Every structure is written in structure tokens, then in C-alpha cells.
C-alpha atoms as a PDB file:
ATOM      1  CA  MET A   1      -0.067   0.359   0.011  1.00  0.00           C
ATOM      2  CA  ARG A   2       2.885   2.547   0.712  1.00  0.00           C
ATOM      3  CA  ALA A   3       4.522   1.492  -2.077  1.00  0.00           C
ATOM      4  CA  SER A   4       1.437   2.220  -4.453  1.00  0.00           C
ATOM      5  CA  ALA A   5       0.805   5.175  -2.116  1.00  0.00           C
ATOM      6  CA  SER A   6       4.106   6.281  -3.390  1.00  0.00           C
ATOM      7  CA  ARG A   7       3.812   5.910  -7.015  1.00  0.00           C
ATOM      8  CA  LEU A   8       0.433   7.807  -6.913  1.00  0.00           C
ATOM      9  CA  VAL A   9       2.025  10.881  -5.480  1.00  0.00           C
ATOM     10  CA  LEU A  10       5.085  10.734  -7.756  1.00  0.00           C
ATOM     11  CA  SER A  11       2.651  10.494 -10.888  1.00  0.00           C
ATOM     12  CA  LEU A  12       0.679  13.515  -9.742  1.00  0.00           C
ATOM     13  CA  LEU A  13       3.743  15.590  -8.959  1.00  0.00           C
ATOM     14  CA  LEU A  14       5.068  14.879 -12.454  1.00  0.00           C
ATOM     15  CA  ALA A  15       1.799  15.542 -14.049  1.00  0.00           C
ATOM     16  CA  ALA A  16       2.142  19.114 -12.187  1.00  0.00           C
ATOM     17  CA  LEU A  17       5.016  20.082 -13.604  1.00  0.00           C
ATOM     18  CA  THR A  18       4.797  18.780 -16.891  1.00  0.00           C
ATOM     19  CA  PRO A  19       4.823  22.239 -19.288  1.00  0.00           C
ATOM     20  CA  PRO A  20       1.560  22.242 -21.075  1.00  0.00           C
ATOM     21  CA  ALA A  21       3.676  22.829 -23.909  1.00  0.00           C
ATOM     22  CA  LEU A  22       5.164  18.960 -23.806  1.00  0.00           C
ATOM     23  CA  ALA A  23       1.531  17.449 -22.376  1.00  0.00           C
ATOM     24  CA  ALA A  24       0.252  18.639 -25.957  1.00  0.00           C
ATOM     25  CA  PHE A  25       3.224  17.376 -28.079  1.00  0.00           C
ATOM     26  CA  SER A  26       2.307  14.988 -30.277  1.00  0.00           C
ATOM     27  CA  PHE A  27       4.585  13.331 -33.638  1.00  0.00           C
ATOM     28  CA  SER A  28       1.921  14.048 -36.255  1.00  0.00           C
ATOM     29  CA  GLU A  29       1.872  17.987 -35.361  1.00  0.00           C
ATOM     30  CA  ASP A  30       5.840  17.689 -35.463  1.00  0.00           C
ATOM     31  CA  GLU A  31       5.366  16.263 -39.030  1.00  0.00           C
ATOM     32  CA  GLU A  32       3.064  18.911 -40.072  1.00  0.00           C
ATOM     33  CA  ARG A  33       5.626  21.480 -38.441  1.00  0.00           C
ATOM     34  CA  GLN A  34       8.785  20.166 -40.294  1.00  0.00           C
ATOM     35  CA  LYS A  35       6.791  19.821 -43.605  1.00  0.00           C
ATOM     36  CA  ALA A  36       5.906  23.686 -43.878  1.00  0.00           C
ATOM     37  CA  ALA A  37       9.309  24.841 -43.093  1.00  0.00           C
ATOM     38  CA  ASP A  38      10.869  22.186 -45.453  1.00  0.00           C
ATOM     39  CA  GLY A  39       7.975  23.817 -48.056  1.00  0.00           C
ATOM     40  CA  ALA A  40       9.386  27.308 -47.073  1.00  0.00           C
ATOM     41  CA  LYS A  41      12.776  26.065 -47.492  1.00  0.00           C
ATOM     42  CA  GLN A  42      11.939  24.900 -51.418  1.00  0.00           C
ATOM     43  CA  GLY A  43      10.192  27.944 -52.204  1.00  0.00           C
ATOM     44  CA  GLY A  44       6.729  26.549 -52.258  1.00  0.00           C
ATOM     45  CA  ALA A  45       4.172  28.756 -52.986  1.00  0.00           C
ATOM     46  CA  PRO A  46       0.898  28.507 -52.132  1.00  0.00           C
ATOM     47  CA  ALA A  47      -2.413  26.717 -52.915  1.00  0.00           C
ATOM     48  CA  VAL A  48      -4.152  28.066 -55.380  1.00  0.00           C
ATOM     49  CA  SER A  49      -7.955  28.771 -54.948  1.00  0.00           C
ATOM     50  CA  ALA A  50     -10.659  27.124 -56.504  1.00  0.00           C
ATOM     51  CA  ALA A  51     -12.263  30.296 -57.654  1.00  0.00           C
ATOM     52  CA  CYS A  52      -8.945  30.688 -59.024  1.00  0.00           C
ATOM     53  CA  ARG A  53      -9.038  27.782 -60.564  1.00  0.00           C
ATOM     54  CA  ASP A  54     -12.230  27.953 -62.130  1.00  0.00           C
ATOM     55  CA  SER A  55     -11.306  31.195 -63.972  1.00  0.00           C
ATOM     56  CA  LEU A  56      -8.246  29.521 -65.521  1.00  0.00           C
ATOM     57  CA  LYS A  57     -10.881  26.528 -67.107  1.00  0.00           C
ATOM     58  CA  ASN A  58     -10.626  26.946 -70.996  1.00  0.00           C
ATOM     59  CA  ARG A  59      -8.394  29.921 -71.339  1.00  0.00           C
ATOM     60  CA  LYS A  60      -5.569  28.887 -73.652  1.00  0.00           C
ATOM     61  CA  VAL A  61      -1.824  29.413 -72.777  1.00  0.00           C
ATOM     62  CA  MET A  62       1.045  28.874 -75.210  1.00  0.00           C
ATOM     63  CA  VAL A  63       4.179  27.952 -74.086  1.00  0.00           C
ATOM     64  CA  VAL A  64       7.612  28.874 -75.825  1.00  0.00           C
ATOM     65  CA  VAL A  65      10.835  27.847 -75.128  1.00  0.00           C
ATOM     66  CA  GLY A  66      14.727  29.272 -75.677  1.00  0.00           C
ATOM     67  CA  GLN A  67      18.001  29.232 -74.203  1.00  0.00           C
ATOM     68  CA  ARG A  68      20.120  32.273 -73.889  1.00  0.00           C
ATOM     69  CA  SER A  69      24.588  31.504 -73.693  1.00  0.00           C
ATOM     70  CA  ALA A  70      27.471  33.829 -74.567  1.00  0.00           C
ATOM     71  CA  ARG A  71      26.643  32.968 -77.995  1.00  0.00           C
ATOM     72  CA  GLY A  72      23.410  34.194 -78.365  1.00  0.00           C
ATOM     73  CA  THR A  73      19.805  33.312 -78.043  1.00  0.00           C
ATOM     74  CA  ASP A  74      18.167  30.008 -79.481  1.00  0.00           C
ATOM     75  CA  ALA A  75      14.509  30.026 -79.968  1.00  0.00           C
ATOM     76  CA  HIS A  76      14.261  26.770 -82.128  1.00  0.00           C
ATOM     77  CA  GLN A  77      11.464  24.893 -80.456  1.00  0.00           C
ATOM     78  CA  GLY A  78      12.156  21.367 -81.935  1.00  0.00           C
ATOM     79  CA  THR A  79      15.476  21.852 -79.249  1.00  0.00           C
ATOM     80  CA  TYR A  80      13.229  21.931 -76.256  1.00  0.00           C
ATOM     81  CA  GLY A  81      10.471  19.514 -76.744  1.00  0.00           C
ATOM     82  CA  PRO A  82      11.080  17.568 -73.290  1.00  0.00           C
ATOM     83  CA  HIS A  83      10.897  20.956 -71.418  1.00  0.00           C
ATOM     84  CA  PHE A  84       8.030  22.306 -73.680  1.00  0.00           C
ATOM     85  CA  GLN A  85       6.037  19.064 -72.355  1.00  0.00           C
ATOM     86  CA  ALA A  86       6.960  18.959 -68.819  1.00  0.00           C
ATOM     87  CA  ILE A  87       5.551  22.702 -68.637  1.00  0.00           C
ATOM     88  CA  ASN A  88       3.067  22.179 -70.582  1.00  0.00           C
ATOM     89  CA  LYS A  89       1.986  18.667 -68.130  1.00  0.00           C
ATOM     90  CA  ARG A  90       1.867  21.599 -65.214  1.00  0.00           C
ATOM     91  CA  LEU A  91      -0.199  24.292 -66.800  1.00  0.00           C
ATOM     92  CA  LYS A  92      -3.255  21.273 -67.755  1.00  0.00           C
ATOM     93  CA  LYS A  93      -3.244  20.691 -63.695  1.00  0.00           C
ATOM     94  CA  PHE A  94      -4.567  23.929 -63.493  1.00  0.00           C
ATOM     95  CA  GLY A  95      -7.224  23.695 -66.612  1.00  0.00           C
ATOM     96  CA  PHE A  96      -5.221  25.622 -69.113  1.00  0.00           C
ATOM     97  CA  ASN A  97      -5.395  24.168 -72.364  1.00  0.00           C
ATOM     98  CA  THR A  98      -2.158  24.180 -74.210  1.00  0.00           C
ATOM     99  CA  TYR A  99      -0.896  23.833 -77.505  1.00  0.00           C
ATOM    100  CA  THR A 100       1.501  21.560 -79.170  1.00  0.00           C
ATOM    101  CA  GLN A 101       4.701  22.664 -80.071  1.00  0.00           C
ATOM    102  CA  GLU A 102       3.621  21.605 -84.171  1.00  0.00           C
ATOM    103  CA  GLU A 103       0.561  23.428 -84.163  1.00  0.00           C
ATOM    104  CA  ILE A 104       2.672  26.682 -82.766  1.00  0.00           C
ATOM    105  CA  THR A 105       5.352  26.420 -85.060  1.00  0.00           C
ATOM    106  CA  ALA A 106       2.713  26.127 -88.102  1.00  0.00           C
ATOM    107  CA  GLN A 107       1.259  29.086 -87.385  1.00  0.00           C
ATOM    108  CA  ILE A 108       4.289  31.154 -85.820  1.00  0.00           C
ATOM    109  CA  ALA A 109       7.026  32.059 -87.854  1.00  0.00           C
ATOM    110  CA  GLN A 110      10.659  31.667 -86.030  1.00  0.00           C
ATOM    111  CA  ALA A 111      11.208  35.558 -87.091  1.00  0.00           C
ATOM    112  CA  GLU A 112       8.235  36.309 -84.595  1.00  0.00           C
ATOM    113  CA  ILE A 113       9.599  33.899 -82.130  1.00  0.00           C
ATOM    114  CA  ASP A 114      13.116  35.114 -82.094  1.00  0.00           C
ATOM    115  CA  ALA A 115      11.502  38.724 -81.753  1.00  0.00           C
ATOM    116  CA  TYR A 116       9.749  37.929 -78.726  1.00  0.00           C
ATOM    117  CA  PHE A 117      12.948  36.424 -77.010  1.00  0.00           C
ATOM    118  CA  ARG A 118      14.373  39.991 -77.509  1.00  0.00           C
ATOM    119  CA  ASN A 119      11.754  40.957 -75.719  1.00  0.00           C
ATOM    120  CA  ASP A 120       9.583  42.452 -78.648  1.00  0.00           C
ATOM    121  CA  PRO A 121       5.728  43.189 -77.322  1.00  0.00           C
ATOM    122  CA  ASP A 122       4.249  43.458 -80.816  1.00  0.00           C
ATOM    123  CA  ALA A 123       5.848  40.132 -81.541  1.00  0.00           C
ATOM    124  CA  ALA A 124       3.933  38.547 -78.461  1.00  0.00           C
ATOM    125  CA  ILE A 125       0.441  40.700 -79.320  1.00  0.00           C
ATOM    126  CA  ASN A 126       0.969  38.921 -83.015  1.00  0.00           C
ATOM    127  CA  ALA A 127       1.711  35.407 -82.032  1.00  0.00           C
ATOM    128  CA  SER A 128      -1.348  35.739 -79.663  1.00  0.00           C
ATOM    129  CA  LYS A 129      -3.746  36.724 -82.281  1.00  0.00           C
ATOM    130  CA  LYS A 130      -2.697  34.288 -84.586  1.00  0.00           C
ATOM    131  CA  MET A 131      -3.233  31.374 -82.485  1.00  0.00           C
ATOM    132  CA  GLY A 132      -6.162  32.610 -80.473  1.00  0.00           C
ATOM    133  CA  ALA A 133      -4.178  32.190 -77.325  1.00  0.00           C
ATOM    134  CA  ASP A 134      -5.596  34.122 -74.344  1.00  0.00           C
ATOM    135  CA  PHE A 135      -1.584  33.983 -72.497  1.00  0.00           C
ATOM    136  CA  ILE A 136       1.570  33.396 -73.561  1.00  0.00           C
ATOM    137  CA  LEU A 137       4.222  31.539 -71.232  1.00  0.00           C
ATOM    138  CA  ARG A 138       7.954  32.286 -71.901  1.00  0.00           C
ATOM    139  CA  GLY A 139      10.904  30.069 -70.472  1.00  0.00           C
ATOM    140  CA  LEU A 140      14.427  31.122 -70.836  1.00  0.00           C
ATOM    141  CA  ILE A 141      17.063  28.799 -70.049  1.00  0.00           C
ATOM    142  CA  SER A 142      20.185  31.038 -69.079  1.00  0.00           C
ATOM    143  CA  SER A 143      23.679  29.597 -68.428  1.00  0.00           C
ATOM    144  CA  ARG A 144      27.323  30.242 -67.225  1.00  0.00           C
ATOM    145  CA  SER A 145      30.239  28.403 -66.596  1.00  0.00           C
ATOM    146  CA  ALA A 146      32.826  28.819 -64.185  1.00  0.00           C
ATOM    147  CA  VAL A 147      35.619  27.123 -62.364  1.00  0.00           C
ATOM    148  CA  ASN A 148      35.040  26.280 -58.631  1.00  0.00           C
ATOM    149  CA  PRO A 149      37.989  27.790 -56.591  1.00  0.00           C
ATOM    150  CA  VAL A 150      38.213  25.225 -54.221  1.00  0.00           C
ATOM    151  CA  LEU A 151      37.653  21.852 -55.824  1.00  0.00           C
ATOM    152  CA  ARG A 152      39.059  22.978 -59.477  1.00  0.00           C
ATOM    153  CA  ILE A 153      36.754  21.407 -61.559  1.00  0.00           C
ATOM    154  CA  PRO A 154      33.939  22.964 -63.573  1.00  0.00           C
ATOM    155  CA  GLU A 155      31.023  24.385 -62.413  1.00  0.00           C
ATOM    156  CA  VAL A 156      27.767  25.107 -64.944  1.00  0.00           C
ATOM    157  CA  TYR A 157      24.979  27.530 -63.225  1.00  0.00           C
ATOM    158  CA  VAL A 158      21.751  27.431 -64.632  1.00  0.00           C
ATOM    159  CA  SER A 159      18.484  29.088 -63.965  1.00  0.00           C
ATOM    160  CA  MET A 160      15.453  29.300 -66.142  1.00  0.00           C
ATOM    161  CA  GLY A 161      12.945  32.319 -65.918  1.00  0.00           C
ATOM    162  CA  PHE A 162       9.517  32.316 -66.523  1.00  0.00           C
ATOM    163  CA  THR A 163       7.562  35.084 -68.032  1.00  0.00           C
ATOM    164  CA  LEU A 164       3.552  34.746 -68.387  1.00  0.00           C
ATOM    165  CA  THR A 165       2.268  37.432 -70.389  1.00  0.00           C
ATOM    166  CA  ALA A 166      -1.868  38.599 -72.010  1.00  0.00           C
ATOM    167  CA  ALA A 167      -2.936  38.251 -75.056  1.00  0.00           C
ATOM    168  CA  ASP A 168      -2.547  42.086 -75.315  1.00  0.00           C
ATOM    169  CA  GLY A 169       1.502  41.988 -74.546  1.00  0.00           C
ATOM    170  CA  ARG A 170       1.175  43.107 -70.826  1.00  0.00           C
ATOM    171  CA  THR A 171       2.913  41.134 -68.303  1.00  0.00           C
ATOM    172  CA  ILE A 172       1.056  39.554 -65.929  1.00  0.00           C
ATOM    173  CA  SER A 173       3.853  37.552 -63.752  1.00  0.00           C
ATOM    174  CA  ASP A 174       7.922  36.578 -63.621  1.00  0.00           C
ATOM    175  CA  ALA A 175       9.580  33.685 -61.719  1.00  0.00           C
ATOM    176  CA  SER A 176      12.517  31.828 -61.721  1.00  0.00           C
ATOM    177  CA  ALA A 177      14.075  28.710 -60.844  1.00  0.00           C
ATOM    178  CA  SER A 178      17.849  27.851 -60.569  1.00  0.00           C
ATOM    179  CA  ALA A 179      20.673  25.722 -59.400  1.00  0.00           C
ATOM    180  CA  ASP A 180      24.099  24.299 -60.061  1.00  0.00           C
ATOM    181  CA  SER A 181      25.230  21.291 -61.341  1.00  0.00           C
ATOM    182  CA  TYR A 182      29.447  19.885 -61.520  1.00  0.00           C
ATOM    183  CA  SER A 183      27.999  17.840 -64.439  1.00  0.00           C
ATOM    184  CA  GLY A 184      29.973  19.310 -67.275  1.00  0.00           C
ATOM    185  CA  SER A 185      28.087  21.625 -69.883  1.00  0.00           C
ATOM    186  CA  ASP A 186      24.515  19.831 -69.942  1.00  0.00           C
ATOM    187  CA  THR A 187      22.574  22.907 -69.600  1.00  0.00           C
ATOM    188  CA  LEU A 188      19.760  21.563 -71.325  1.00  0.00           C
ATOM    189  CA  GLY A 189      19.323  18.498 -68.819  1.00  0.00           C
ATOM    190  CA  MET A 190      19.877  20.606 -65.828  1.00  0.00           C
ATOM    191  CA  ALA A 191      17.254  22.656 -67.124  1.00  0.00           C
ATOM    192  CA  LEU A 192      15.131  19.603 -67.705  1.00  0.00           C
ATOM    193  CA  THR A 193      15.740  19.071 -63.985  1.00  0.00           C
ATOM    194  CA  LEU A 194      15.112  22.135 -62.737  1.00  0.00           C
ATOM    195  CA  VAL A 195      11.218  22.272 -64.915  1.00  0.00           C
ATOM    196  CA  ASN A 196      10.610  18.831 -63.503  1.00  0.00           C
ATOM    197  CA  GLU A 197      11.976  19.518 -59.714  1.00  0.00           C
ATOM    198  CA  GLN A 198      10.565  22.987 -59.349  1.00  0.00           C
ATOM    199  CA  ALA A 199       7.786  23.803 -62.290  1.00  0.00           C
ATOM    200  CA  ASP A 200       4.688  22.797 -60.012  1.00  0.00           C
ATOM    201  CA  GLY A 201       5.838  25.512 -57.390  1.00  0.00           C
ATOM    202  CA  VAL A 202       6.637  28.012 -60.360  1.00  0.00           C
ATOM    203  CA  VAL A 203       3.695  27.928 -61.952  1.00  0.00           C
ATOM    204  CA  ALA A 204       1.147  28.214 -59.244  1.00  0.00           C
ATOM    205  CA  ARG A 205       2.854  31.300 -58.078  1.00  0.00           C
ATOM    206  CA  LEU A 206       2.382  32.795 -62.078  1.00  0.00           C
ATOM    207  CA  VAL A 207      -1.153  31.831 -61.414  1.00  0.00           C
ATOM    208  CA  ASN A 208      -1.831  33.104 -58.283  1.00  0.00           C
ATOM    209  CA  ASP A 209      -0.075  36.252 -59.889  1.00  0.00           C
ATOM    210  CA  TYR A 210      -2.837  35.931 -62.320  1.00  0.00           C
ATOM    211  CA  CYS A 211      -5.430  35.649 -60.145  1.00  0.00           C
ATOM    212  CA  ARG A 212      -4.495  38.401 -57.842  1.00  0.00           C
ATOM    213  CA  HIS A 213      -3.868  40.915 -60.597  1.00  0.00           C
ATOM    214  CA  ALA A 214      -5.137  40.363 -63.923  1.00  0.00           C
ATOM    215  CA  ALA A 215      -8.532  38.191 -63.607  1.00  0.00           C
ATOM    216  CA  PRO A 216     -10.914  40.929 -61.579  1.00  0.00           C
ATOM    217  CA  ALA A 217      -9.749  42.877 -64.688  1.00  0.00           C
ATOM    218  CA  ALA A 218     -10.422  40.450 -67.198  1.00  0.00           C
ATOM    219  CA  LYS A 219     -13.688  39.960 -65.188  1.00  0.00           C
ATOM    220  CA  GLY A 220     -14.826  43.667 -65.658  1.00  0.00           C
ATOM    221  CA  LYS A 221     -13.838  43.931 -69.145  1.00  0.00           C
ATOM    222  CA  GLY A 222     -16.298  40.729 -69.921  1.00  0.00           C
ATOM    223  CA  ARG A 223     -19.182  43.053 -68.041  1.00  0.00           C
END
């Protein structure tokens, strides 16, 4: 009896001394906090609202991809098939209608695509009119090479900038993804890795910017 009483008193004492925050701790809550922290580190974008998604249904977006290097800008779409497909896949998740590369190159002259990558707004407007597109999403791959001063091996720094433009040439949103690689000079391969790893967050940011800034104006025009 004395031993039982002692254990009871000890249990009550420990319960009284336990901090409320510790008593409320659960592994599931800790996992949720860790997921949120990991998402912030990865630059995750906020979720797109249902109303925003609804406003994008059946809106048409044309994707063009190019690469800028020391040699200049290459905007020949056939070079970027895997990147194009990966971006289109993400856009479709948000309800966009997308065009194939074949449809784009059949309607848009290479000279117009080149002009658009030289930041010619008229080229963007002409291209969207020909395609009947509501938006153009431009993906521009950039890279630079350097020798790591410590390891003495070549490094390739790759970034990909995304610009969402309205049919009238207005810029709706800009977003980017970047990484570095020790794999040599395969910039297209690293750019594809960037798209596959970061495009979900990038497209979500572009869509959220559209819903915050462009969608209300579009609805007003419809009236």
C-alpha cells in the first residue's frame, strides 16, 4: 500500500510539473511543422484557390522555350521538346488549354518567336492573335560556366526564367528557378531537371499572380 501511494504521489507530482506545451506534443503535429518548414526552404508557392482555378478553365496558353548563352539566344522550339512537355503538363493541372509544339510552329514564324525572345511586345501580341491564345508563357534558360576555386572543377550554373504574358502584351507575372551542377556543360539536361523539380511551384506562383492582378480586370471587361 505504501509503495502504491508513493507511486501515485510521484505521478501526480510529475503531471503538475509537466509544461503544457510538452503535454500537448504529438508526433503528427511535429511532422506537419517539419513539412511546412521544408516547403518554405524549397520556395513552395501557396495553394491556388478553387475560384482561381475556375477562372482558368478553358483559357488557352501558348508555351515557348528558348536558351540564352554567350553565343546568343536560340529559340528554335524543336530543341526543347522535353522542357515544353514538362511545362505543358503542369499548366494542364490548373485547367489551361495548351497547344502542341507542332501547332505553334505551324502558325508562328520563327522570326516572330525570335523577336519575342528579344523582348519585342508586338511579336507577342501578333503571336497570341494568330494562335487565339489568352496567354503566352515564355521559358528562358540561361547558363554560365566557372571553375570552382576550391575544388578546381568546372561548374555550370543554370537558371530558368518564366514570364506569363496576356494576349495584349501585358506582363502578368515573372518567376524563376535556378540550380548549379558539376556535371559539365549539359545545360539543357540541367534545365529539364529544374523544370521537373520546381515547375509545380513556379506555375502555382504565376497562376496566383494572375488571379491577384489580372483576373478581376478581365472579369470587368466581360461586363
